[in-house]
Protein backbone atom coordinates (compact mmCIF):
# COMPACT_ATOMS: atom_id res chain seq x y z
CA UNK A 1 94.93 104.69 30.66
CA UNK A 2 95.72 101.52 32.22
CA UNK A 3 96.36 103.15 35.69
CA UNK A 4 92.84 104.50 35.59
CA UNK A 5 91.11 101.45 34.49
CA UNK A 6 92.92 99.69 37.26
CA UNK A 7 92.07 102.19 39.88
CA UNK A 8 88.43 102.04 38.77
CA UNK A 9 88.36 98.19 39.01
CA UNK A 10 90.03 98.35 42.49
CA UNK A 11 87.42 100.79 43.59
CA UNK A 12 84.46 98.72 42.27
CA UNK A 13 85.84 95.56 44.04
CA UNK A 14 86.43 97.44 47.24
CA UNK A 15 82.97 99.03 47.18
CA UNK A 16 81.45 95.48 46.26
CA UNK A 17 83.32 94.03 49.17
CA UNK A 18 82.11 96.46 51.81
CA UNK A 19 78.58 96.34 50.54
CA UNK A 20 78.57 92.53 50.63
CA UNK A 21 80.04 92.53 53.99
CA UNK A 22 77.47 94.93 55.42
CA UNK A 23 74.62 92.69 54.63
CA UNK A 24 73.36 89.40 55.94
CA UNK A 25 72.90 88.11 52.49
CA UNK A 26 69.59 86.37 52.98
CA UNK A 27 68.47 83.94 50.43
CA UNK A 28 64.83 82.45 50.29
CA UNK A 29 66.25 78.88 50.50
CA UNK A 30 68.40 79.75 53.76
CA UNK A 31 68.09 77.63 56.95
CA UNK A 32 69.78 78.52 60.29
CA UNK A 33 72.89 76.60 59.48
CA UNK A 34 73.35 78.32 55.96
CA UNK A 35 72.87 81.80 57.54
CA UNK A 36 75.36 80.99 60.34
CA UNK A 37 78.00 79.21 58.02
CA UNK A 38 78.25 82.74 56.32
CA UNK A 39 79.12 84.09 59.68
CA UNK A 40 82.06 81.93 60.60
CA UNK A 41 84.41 84.17 62.50
CA UNK A 42 81.76 86.90 63.26
CA UNK A 43 80.05 87.58 66.58
CA UNK A 44 76.13 86.67 66.68
CA UNK A 45 73.40 86.45 69.07
CA UNK A 46 71.35 83.42 68.96
CA UNK A 47 67.84 83.41 70.32
CA UNK A 48 66.62 79.92 71.27
CA UNK A 49 63.11 78.68 71.18
CA UNK A 50 63.14 78.46 75.10
CA UNK A 51 63.56 82.40 75.20
CA UNK A 52 67.23 82.34 76.18
CA UNK A 53 69.86 84.48 74.39
CA UNK A 54 73.41 83.36 73.79
CA UNK A 55 75.88 85.57 71.84
CA UNK A 56 79.56 84.65 70.89
CA UNK A 57 81.76 84.15 67.80
CA UNK A 58 80.72 81.59 65.37
CA UNK A 59 83.72 79.00 65.28
CA UNK A 60 81.90 76.17 63.15
CA UNK A 61 78.70 74.93 61.85
CA UNK A 62 77.89 71.40 61.46
CA UNK A 63 74.79 69.55 60.05
CA UNK A 64 73.05 69.81 63.46
CA UNK A 65 74.84 71.96 65.75
CA UNK A 66 76.83 75.25 66.06
CA UNK A 67 79.87 75.85 67.84
CA UNK A 68 80.20 79.24 69.57
CA UNK A 69 83.26 80.54 71.35
CA UNK A 70 83.90 83.53 73.53
CA UNK A 71 80.53 83.53 75.00
CA UNK A 72 79.27 87.11 75.98
CA UNK A 73 79.58 87.28 79.76
CA UNK A 74 81.38 84.04 79.88
CA UNK A 75 84.53 84.60 77.68
CA UNK A 76 86.37 81.39 79.04
CA UNK A 77 83.59 79.27 77.87
CA UNK A 78 82.32 77.72 74.47
CA UNK A 79 78.88 76.51 73.63
CA UNK A 80 77.54 73.94 71.27
CA UNK A 81 73.89 74.99 70.26
CA UNK A 82 71.71 72.48 68.43
CA UNK A 83 70.43 74.08 65.30
CA UNK A 84 66.71 73.00 65.70
CA UNK A 85 66.68 74.98 69.03
CA UNK A 86 67.43 78.29 67.25
CA UNK A 87 64.36 80.61 66.81
CA UNK A 88 66.34 83.68 65.57
CA UNK A 89 69.65 84.78 64.71
CA UNK A 90 70.83 88.50 65.32
CA UNK A 91 73.68 89.77 63.15
CA UNK A 92 75.34 93.12 63.66
CA UNK A 93 75.52 94.68 60.10
CA UNK A 94 77.01 98.22 60.71
CA UNK A 95 80.67 97.38 60.69
CA UNK A 96 81.89 100.92 60.90
């Protein structure tokens, strides 16, 4: 009986982890920094107010800036993006 309960619990936790990982998890009080904070370690595409796109791995998010590494097309470069210059954050959610 304990084994069945343990398996059910593990299955539920695994399903919840996968479901949470597949979604952006947007909350109505979110700002660019909080959305990006949840993406640390993940690849994102940032669209700037100027229209430029930059994508890479989120390394860290500060109060006013974002550190991206492994910039797509410029893998040996990092970037620091001012959060106020961001107009959109594109996050891949189909982690198959």
